[in-house]
Amino acid sequence: MEQQAVRWNVKVSKKTDLTLRNFLGAEGAKKGALSKFIEDAVRWRMFHRTIQDIKQRNADTDPEELQAIVDGAVREVRAERAAKRQPKKL
């Protein structure tokens, strides 16, 4: 399924513009590379902020308790995936 693009108007310094365009040009970037770069940068920034929020929220949690929660969640997901792989019996 193709995602519909949304147009943004952004403002950056001339130095940032030239630096980024030189960087993309040196990589042999093609049409749409600037948009892809911005989208990737936004996704990475959002991911980083989410991780920082989770770390801050769990800063006071006992490490062993936190590890037990993670281990339980991993076991649950693995069990669900294993069940999906099993052929259905009649």
N, C-alpha and C. Protein backbone atom coordinates (compact mmCIF):
# COMPACT_ATOMS: atom_id res chain seq x y z
N MET A 1 0.85 -1.18 0.00
CA MET A 1 0.00 0.00 0.00
C MET A 1 0.89 1.24 0.00
N GLU A 2 0.64 2.14 -0.91
CA GLU A 2 1.43 3.36 -1.03
C GLU A 2 0.94 4.39 -0.02
N GLN A 3 1.90 5.02 0.66
CA GLN A 3 1.53 6.06 1.62
C GLN A 3 1.40 7.38 0.90
N GLN A 4 0.45 8.16 1.32
CA GLN A 4 0.24 9.47 0.73
C GLN A 4 1.20 10.46 1.38
N ALA A 5 1.88 11.23 0.56
CA ALA A 5 2.84 12.20 1.06
C ALA A 5 2.13 13.49 1.49
N VAL A 6 2.71 14.15 2.47
CA VAL A 6 2.22 15.43 2.96
C VAL A 6 3.35 16.43 2.76
N ARG A 7 3.03 17.59 2.28
CA ARG A 7 4.04 18.61 2.03
C ARG A 7 4.27 19.44 3.29
N TRP A 8 5.54 19.63 3.63
CA TRP A 8 5.93 20.47 4.76
C TRP A 8 6.66 21.68 4.21
N ASN A 9 6.53 22.78 4.93
CA ASN A 9 7.37 23.95 4.67
C ASN A 9 8.26 24.10 5.89
N VAL A 10 9.56 23.98 5.68
CA VAL A 10 10.50 24.08 6.79
C VAL A 10 11.51 25.17 6.49
N LYS A 11 12.08 25.70 7.55
CA LYS A 11 13.08 26.74 7.41
C LYS A 11 14.32 26.30 8.17
N VAL A 12 15.47 26.32 7.47
CA VAL A 12 16.75 25.99 8.09
C VAL A 12 17.75 27.07 7.69
N SER A 13 18.86 27.10 8.41
CA SER A 13 19.89 28.08 8.07
C SER A 13 20.52 27.74 6.73
N LYS A 14 21.07 28.74 6.08
CA LYS A 14 21.75 28.54 4.80
C LYS A 14 22.90 27.54 4.95
N LYS A 15 23.62 27.65 6.07
CA LYS A 15 24.75 26.74 6.33
C LYS A 15 24.27 25.30 6.41
N THR A 16 23.17 25.06 7.13
CA THR A 16 22.62 23.71 7.25
C THR A 16 22.19 23.19 5.88
N ASP A 17 21.53 24.03 5.12
CA ASP A 17 21.08 23.66 3.78
C ASP A 17 22.26 23.23 2.91
N LEU A 18 23.29 24.06 2.85
CA LEU A 18 24.44 23.76 2.00
C LEU A 18 25.18 22.51 2.48
N THR A 19 25.35 22.38 3.79
CA THR A 19 26.03 21.23 4.34
C THR A 19 25.29 19.94 4.00
N LEU A 20 23.98 19.95 4.19
CA LEU A 20 23.19 18.76 3.91
C LEU A 20 23.18 18.45 2.41
N ARG A 21 23.00 19.44 1.59
CA ARG A 21 22.97 19.19 0.14
C ARG A 21 24.32 18.69 -0.36
N ASN A 22 25.42 19.21 0.18
CA ASN A 22 26.74 18.71 -0.18
C ASN A 22 26.91 17.26 0.27
N PHE A 23 26.45 16.97 1.47
CA PHE A 23 26.52 15.61 2.00
C PHE A 23 25.74 14.65 1.10
N LEU A 24 24.49 15.00 0.78
CA LEU A 24 23.66 14.15 -0.06
C LEU A 24 24.26 14.00 -1.46
N GLY A 25 24.78 15.11 -1.99
CA GLY A 25 25.40 15.06 -3.31
C GLY A 25 26.61 14.15 -3.34
N ALA A 26 27.41 14.18 -2.28
CA ALA A 26 28.60 13.33 -2.20
C ALA A 26 28.22 11.85 -2.14
N GLU A 27 27.02 11.56 -1.66
CA GLU A 27 26.55 10.18 -1.60
C GLU A 27 25.85 9.76 -2.89
N GLY A 28 25.80 10.68 -3.86
CA GLY A 28 25.14 10.36 -5.12
C GLY A 28 23.63 10.35 -5.02
N ALA A 29 23.11 11.19 -4.15
CA ALA A 29 21.67 11.23 -3.89
C ALA A 29 20.88 11.58 -5.14
N LYS A 30 19.71 10.99 -5.21
CA LYS A 30 18.82 11.22 -6.33
C LYS A 30 17.62 12.05 -5.87
N LYS A 31 16.70 12.29 -6.79
CA LYS A 31 15.50 13.06 -6.47
C LYS A 31 14.77 12.42 -5.29
N GLY A 32 14.35 13.25 -4.36
CA GLY A 32 13.63 12.77 -3.18
C GLY A 32 14.53 12.45 -2.00
N ALA A 33 15.86 12.56 -2.19
CA ALA A 33 16.79 12.21 -1.12
C ALA A 33 16.65 13.15 0.07
N LEU A 34 16.41 14.43 -0.18
CA LEU A 34 16.26 15.39 0.92
C LEU A 34 15.03 15.02 1.77
N SER A 35 13.93 14.71 1.11
CA SER A 35 12.71 14.32 1.85
C SER A 35 12.95 13.05 2.65
N LYS A 36 13.59 12.07 2.05
CA LYS A 36 13.88 10.81 2.74
C LYS A 36 14.79 11.06 3.93
N PHE A 37 15.81 11.90 3.76
CA PHE A 37 16.73 12.21 4.85
C PHE A 37 15.97 12.84 6.02
N ILE A 38 15.11 13.79 5.72
CA ILE A 38 14.34 14.47 6.77
C ILE A 38 13.42 13.48 7.47
N GLU A 39 12.74 12.64 6.70
CA GLU A 39 11.83 11.66 7.32
C GLU A 39 12.60 10.71 8.21
N ASP A 40 13.75 10.21 7.75
CA ASP A 40 14.58 9.33 8.58
C ASP A 40 15.05 10.04 9.85
N ALA A 41 15.46 11.30 9.71
CA ALA A 41 15.93 12.06 10.88
C ALA A 41 14.81 12.25 11.90
N VAL A 42 13.61 12.53 11.43
CA VAL A 42 12.47 12.70 12.34
C VAL A 42 12.16 11.39 13.04
N ARG A 43 12.16 10.29 12.30
CA ARG A 43 11.88 8.99 12.92
C ARG A 43 12.92 8.64 13.97
N TRP A 44 14.22 8.85 13.66
CA TRP A 44 15.27 8.56 14.63
C TRP A 44 15.15 9.43 15.86
N ARG A 45 14.82 10.71 15.67
CA ARG A 45 14.67 11.61 16.80
C ARG A 45 13.51 11.19 17.69
N MET A 46 12.40 10.81 17.07
CA MET A 46 11.24 10.37 17.84
C MET A 46 11.56 9.08 18.59
N PHE A 47 12.26 8.16 17.93
CA PHE A 47 12.68 6.91 18.57
C PHE A 47 13.57 7.21 19.77
N HIS A 48 14.57 8.08 19.57
CA HIS A 48 15.49 8.44 20.65
C HIS A 48 14.75 9.06 21.83
N ARG A 49 13.83 9.97 21.55
CA ARG A 49 13.06 10.61 22.63
C ARG A 49 12.20 9.59 23.37
N THR A 50 11.62 8.65 22.64
CA THR A 50 10.81 7.61 23.27
C THR A 50 11.66 6.76 24.21
N ILE A 51 12.85 6.38 23.75
CA ILE A 51 13.75 5.59 24.58
C ILE A 51 14.15 6.38 25.83
N GLN A 52 14.46 7.66 25.67
CA GLN A 52 14.83 8.49 26.82
C GLN A 52 13.68 8.59 27.82
N ASP A 53 12.46 8.74 27.31
CA ASP A 53 11.28 8.81 28.19
C ASP A 53 11.10 7.51 28.96
N ILE A 54 11.27 6.38 28.28
CA ILE A 54 11.14 5.08 28.94
C ILE A 54 12.21 4.91 30.01
N LYS A 55 13.43 5.28 29.68
CA LYS A 55 14.52 5.17 30.67
C LYS A 55 14.22 6.03 31.90
N GLN A 56 13.76 7.24 31.67
CA GLN A 56 13.46 8.14 32.78
C GLN A 56 12.30 7.59 33.62
N ARG A 57 11.27 7.08 32.95
CA ARG A 57 10.12 6.54 33.66
C ARG A 57 10.49 5.33 34.51
N ASN A 58 11.48 4.55 34.07
CA ASN A 58 11.87 3.34 34.78
C ASN A 58 13.13 3.51 35.63
N ALA A 59 13.59 4.72 35.81
CA ALA A 59 14.84 4.97 36.53
C ALA A 59 14.79 4.44 37.97
N ASP A 60 13.63 4.49 38.59
CA ASP A 60 13.52 4.06 39.98
C ASP A 60 13.08 2.61 40.13
N THR A 61 12.92 1.92 39.01
CA THR A 61 12.49 0.52 39.06
C THR A 61 13.68 -0.38 39.35
N ASP A 62 13.46 -1.38 40.18
CA ASP A 62 14.51 -2.35 40.50
C ASP A 62 14.95 -3.05 39.21
N PRO A 63 16.26 -3.07 38.91
CA PRO A 63 16.75 -3.68 37.66
C PRO A 63 16.31 -5.14 37.49
N GLU A 64 16.29 -5.90 38.57
CA GLU A 64 15.87 -7.31 38.47
C GLU A 64 14.39 -7.42 38.13
N GLU A 65 13.59 -6.53 38.72
CA GLU A 65 12.15 -6.52 38.42
C GLU A 65 11.93 -6.13 36.96
N LEU A 66 12.65 -5.13 36.51
CA LEU A 66 12.54 -4.68 35.13
C LEU A 66 12.95 -5.80 34.16
N GLN A 67 14.04 -6.50 34.48
CA GLN A 67 14.49 -7.60 33.64
C GLN A 67 13.45 -8.71 33.60
N ALA A 68 12.81 -8.98 34.73
CA ALA A 68 11.76 -10.01 34.77
C ALA A 68 10.58 -9.62 33.88
N ILE A 69 10.22 -8.34 33.88
CA ILE A 69 9.12 -7.86 33.03
C ILE A 69 9.50 -8.04 31.56
N VAL A 70 10.73 -7.66 31.20
CA VAL A 70 11.20 -7.79 29.81
C VAL A 70 11.22 -9.26 29.41
N ASP A 71 11.77 -10.11 30.26
CA ASP A 71 11.84 -11.54 29.97
C ASP A 71 10.45 -12.14 29.75
N GLY A 72 9.51 -11.74 30.58
CA GLY A 72 8.13 -12.23 30.44
C GLY A 72 7.51 -11.79 29.12
N ALA A 73 7.73 -10.54 28.75
CA ALA A 73 7.18 -10.04 27.49
C ALA A 73 7.81 -10.77 26.30
N VAL A 74 9.11 -11.01 26.36
CA VAL A 74 9.79 -11.73 25.27
C VAL A 74 9.24 -13.16 25.16
N ARG A 75 9.07 -13.84 26.29
CA ARG A 75 8.51 -15.19 26.28
C ARG A 75 7.12 -15.21 25.65
N GLU A 76 6.31 -14.22 26.01
CA GLU A 76 4.94 -14.13 25.49
C GLU A 76 4.94 -13.96 23.97
N VAL A 77 5.77 -13.06 23.47
CA VAL A 77 5.84 -12.82 22.02
C VAL A 77 6.35 -14.06 21.30
N ARG A 78 7.38 -14.70 21.85
CA ARG A 78 7.92 -15.91 21.22
C ARG A 78 6.87 -17.02 21.18
N ALA A 79 6.09 -17.16 22.24
CA ALA A 79 5.04 -18.17 22.27
C ALA A 79 3.97 -17.88 21.22
N GLU A 80 3.59 -16.62 21.07
CA GLU A 80 2.60 -16.24 20.06
C GLU A 80 3.11 -16.54 18.67
N ARG A 81 4.37 -16.21 18.40
CA ARG A 81 4.95 -16.48 17.08
C ARG A 81 5.06 -17.97 16.81
N ALA A 82 5.45 -18.73 17.81
CA ALA A 82 5.55 -20.19 17.65
C ALA A 82 4.17 -20.78 17.35
N ALA A 83 3.15 -20.28 18.02
CA ALA A 83 1.79 -20.78 17.80
C ALA A 83 1.32 -20.48 16.38
N LYS A 84 1.71 -19.35 15.83
CA LYS A 84 1.32 -18.98 14.46
C LYS A 84 2.02 -19.86 13.43
N ARG A 85 3.21 -20.35 13.76
CA ARG A 85 3.97 -21.17 12.83
C ARG A 85 3.47 -22.61 12.79
N GLN A 86 2.81 -23.07 13.86
CA GLN A 86 2.36 -24.44 13.95
C GLN A 86 1.19 -24.66 12.98
N PRO A 87 1.26 -25.76 12.22
CA PRO A 87 0.11 -26.06 11.32
C PRO A 87 -1.12 -26.41 12.15
N LYS A 88 -2.27 -25.99 11.67
CA LYS A 88 -3.51 -26.25 12.38
C LYS A 88 -3.89 -27.72 12.22
N LYS A 89 -4.24 -28.36 13.33
CA LYS A 89 -4.64 -29.76 13.31
C LYS A 89 -6.15 -29.86 13.21
N LEU A 90 -6.59 -30.85 12.46
CA LEU A 90 -8.03 -31.06 12.30
C LEU A 90 -8.55 -32.06 13.27
